[in-house]
Amino acid sequence: MKALLAKKWFGPLVALVVVYAIFLVLRPETFGRAATLLTMSQQTVVVAIAAVGATLVIVSGGIDLSVGSSVALTSVVVAKLLVRGHGPLVAALGGCLVATLCGALGGALVARLKMLPFIVTLGSMSILRGAAKGLANEQKIDAPARGLETLLQPAAGSLRPPTGVFLAIAVAVLAALLLSSTRFGRHVFAVGSNERTARLCGVPVERVKIGVYAIAGLLAGLAGVLEFSMLTVGDPTTAVGLELEVIAAVVIGGASLSGGEGSILGAMIGAFLMTVIKTGATHMGLPNWVQEIVTGGIILVASGLDRLRRGSATS
């Protein structure tokens, strides 16, 4: 039991169960339906996949504020390629490739030029959003989905989760194995814990950082493909503020913004917890500002508990 309590994701899991149970008691006639759970799983996918990449970045001691812009750019690239007659696979791969290259470039600026991750990704957030608007001529791009819509839209009348939900689970499992069972994963934790010590121990810090941001870019691109699947248009204005939701999911899941600590499972739980709060508040008829206050409060509590835990560990 002590080992379970020590897990970073255990606290968020308890919070998820408690919050879900509260809404289930208050609105059993609507919140308890299988269709509601299916809808919540759909609404969590984009944030969850992007949060997996953000977890790697935060564990390495960095931050990524460009996630939302990268998702928007990817949706525009996918739509553009579809309009030009390319197949859905080529369009999806093209969108992911663009996002991966953008992530790798940001990582290179952080690793090679020693620029602050906050500044690099803040600039990237504006650059990528502008690029998305320019590529789309500042308007939505209607494109034939050609089967991509099925990734995040279940069949009519079916309660089977769409492919995107299983894709998010697969991504989380692979990322968890990457962090826990590979040399690269150990290097990510080492860099985030103490970069100078990691460098002295022979860890290729620059390559690790570039790799982390490239993977985060790839997953933001995948999230963008799924965003297109949900919207079926390339929208340069979509996903505004998504980066805050993603970072919140990672922090709620037990990661430390100081680096060196984080959990893929915790990030997934954090992403689903925020969806449960939004959905439950909607079923209760509460306005959006209440949802935002509750989510922000949970983030502050999670960060405060992490700070207290770190303080007690060093005293």
Foldseek 3Di string as FASTA:
>chain_A
DVVLVPDLQNVLVVVLVVLLVVLCVVCVPPSVDLVNVLVLLLVLLLLLLLLLLQQLQLQLLAGAPQLLLLLLLLLLQLQVCQQVPDANVVSLVVSLVVLLVLLLVLLLCCQVVVDHRVVSNVVNNVVSLVVSCVSVVNDKRAGDNNPLLQQRDPDPPDSDHGVSSVVSVVSLVVSQCVLPPDPLNVLSLVNLVPVVVSVVVPRPSSVSSSVSSSSSSSSSSNSSSSVCSNVNINHSPPSVVSSVLSVLLFLLLRGASSHNDTGSSSSSSSSSSLSSLVSSCVSVVHDPVVSVVVSVVSSVVSNVVNVVVVVVVVD
